[in-house]
Amino acid sequence: MPLKDVCNRNVACISPDASVVNAALIMKEKHVGTLVVVKHPEHPKDPVGIVTDRDLVLKVLAQKLCPEETKVSQVMVLEPRIARDTDGLLEATEMMESSGVRRLPVVDSSGNLKGIVAADDLYELLTTELSNLSRIGSRQVHMESHGFSR
């Protein structure tokens, strides 16, 4: 299944020049813990970074930096791991595991930001698929006991 079919298309973005206070406000407003950093948030293309609520805590608050004066560019992860919308779930999970990240921006072949996929989204999807697989045997017995054949 390609990521374009499962990624969240409602991606919260921010400029690298924005303050981390602005980042925190966007996270609060959009109910997200991650922002994709793009040069022009109104026309997202080519993610240049990613910033998480954890980055704000560890790199700003714990370092006693002034949130109003600290720019997103100072705390964001540069050159984040990025998935293609044609990549499958296996590629995404392997990329997350090898990079130690929980979220991947998803771009199309032109580099346009198309969505974001999170480990939690994949947990839910894969759990549902595994649950469906686990019921095959009992479903087969049910079908056979009622005279249905396939």
Foldseek 3Di string as FASTA:
>chain_A
DFQLVQFAQPAAADEQQAFVVVVVVSCVVVVHFKHFYANDRVFAFAGFFMHGVVLCCPVDVVVVHDRRPHTNNVRTGGPDAAAERRDDPVVVVVVCVVVVHFKHFYAYPRRGTRGMDGVVSVVVVVVVVVVVVVCPVVVQVVCVVVPHDD
